[in-house]
């Protein structure tokens, strides 16, 4: 816009240079913001300890069991077997 005003003769070349400097400063700030975001993401992954996305122990047996009423309720068809007495 500043260049168009300069070509039309309504502004000076100094204002064109100032506008370009403002534009380039805004672009640099945008790149810095992206870099900061990426650095924050890396810091988050480091804080989590890394490796959580490909754990080896992801099996139903290793899952945490819920605590509360659901943990103590046993459905009728899933009663635990009675222990057998030791052989003499």
Protein backbone atom coordinates (compact mmCIF):
# COMPACT_ATOMS: atom_id res chain seq x y z
CA UNK A 1 0.00 0.00 0.00
CA UNK A 2 2.86 2.32 0.84
CA UNK A 3 4.52 1.53 -2.49
CA UNK A 4 1.30 2.35 -4.35
CA UNK A 5 1.10 5.67 -2.51
CA UNK A 6 4.73 6.39 -3.41
CA UNK A 7 4.10 5.61 -7.09
CA UNK A 8 1.12 7.95 -7.00
CA UNK A 9 3.34 10.65 -5.51
CA UNK A 10 1.42 11.07 -2.29
CA UNK A 11 4.16 9.88 0.10
CA UNK A 12 7.93 9.85 0.46
CA UNK A 13 10.36 7.01 -0.04
CA UNK A 14 11.18 7.13 3.69
CA UNK A 15 7.63 6.02 4.51
CA UNK A 16 8.01 3.11 2.04
CA UNK A 17 11.21 2.02 3.78
CA UNK A 18 9.55 2.33 7.21
CA UNK A 19 6.60 0.22 6.06
CA UNK A 20 8.91 -2.48 4.70
CA UNK A 21 10.87 -2.48 7.96
CA UNK A 22 7.63 -2.94 9.91
CA UNK A 23 6.62 -5.81 7.62
CA UNK A 24 9.96 -7.58 7.98
CA UNK A 25 9.94 -7.13 11.76
CA UNK A 26 6.48 -8.71 11.88
CA UNK A 27 7.71 -11.67 9.81
CA UNK A 28 10.71 -12.15 12.12
CA UNK A 29 8.41 -12.08 15.17
CA UNK A 30 6.17 -14.69 13.56
CA UNK A 31 9.15 -16.99 12.95
CA UNK A 32 10.29 -16.47 16.55
CA UNK A 33 6.82 -17.39 17.80
CA UNK A 34 6.85 -20.60 15.75
CA UNK A 35 10.31 -21.47 17.07
CA UNK A 36 9.15 -20.87 20.63
CA UNK A 37 6.13 -23.10 20.09
CA UNK A 38 8.30 -25.91 18.75
CA UNK A 39 10.72 -25.56 21.66
CA UNK A 40 7.80 -25.70 24.11
CA UNK A 41 6.53 -28.88 22.43
CA UNK A 42 9.95 -30.49 22.82
CA UNK A 43 10.03 -29.44 26.47
CA UNK A 44 6.63 -31.05 27.00
CA UNK A 45 7.81 -34.33 25.45
CA UNK A 46 10.91 -34.26 27.65
CA UNK A 47 8.81 -33.57 30.74
CA UNK A 48 6.58 -36.53 29.91
CA UNK A 49 9.67 -38.70 29.74
CA UNK A 50 9.37 -39.63 26.10
CA UNK A 51 8.56 -43.08 24.79
CA UNK A 52 4.97 -43.02 26.03
CA UNK A 53 3.62 -43.37 22.50
CA UNK A 54 5.15 -46.83 21.93
CA UNK A 55 5.02 -48.53 25.32
CA UNK A 56 5.68 -52.27 25.45
CA UNK A 57 3.42 -53.01 28.43
CA UNK A 58 0.17 -52.01 26.72
CA UNK A 59 -1.74 -55.22 27.31
CA UNK A 60 -5.08 -55.78 29.07
CA UNK A 61 -3.29 -57.49 31.96
CA UNK A 62 -1.14 -54.42 32.63
CA UNK A 63 -3.99 -51.89 32.56
CA UNK A 64 -4.83 -50.14 35.80
CA UNK A 65 -7.99 -51.52 37.36
CA UNK A 66 -10.60 -48.99 38.42
CA UNK A 67 -11.18 -48.46 42.12
CA UNK A 68 -14.64 -48.11 43.60
CA UNK A 69 -17.93 -49.93 43.21
CA UNK A 70 -17.12 -51.24 39.74
CA UNK A 71 -13.91 -52.80 41.06
CA UNK A 72 -15.67 -54.84 43.77
CA UNK A 73 -18.74 -55.80 41.76
CA UNK A 74 -18.40 -59.23 40.13
CA UNK A 75 -20.89 -60.15 37.39
CA UNK A 76 -22.88 -63.35 38.03
CA UNK A 77 -21.15 -65.35 35.31
CA UNK A 78 -17.66 -64.38 36.43
CA UNK A 79 -17.49 -65.71 39.97
CA UNK A 80 -13.95 -66.62 41.00
CA UNK A 81 -13.15 -70.31 41.39
CA UNK A 82 -12.94 -71.68 44.93
CA UNK A 83 -9.43 -72.65 45.98
CA UNK A 84 -8.79 -76.36 46.13
CA UNK A 85 -7.64 -77.81 49.45
CA UNK A 86 -4.04 -79.05 49.55
CA UNK A 87 -3.53 -82.76 48.94
CA UNK A 88 -2.44 -84.79 51.97
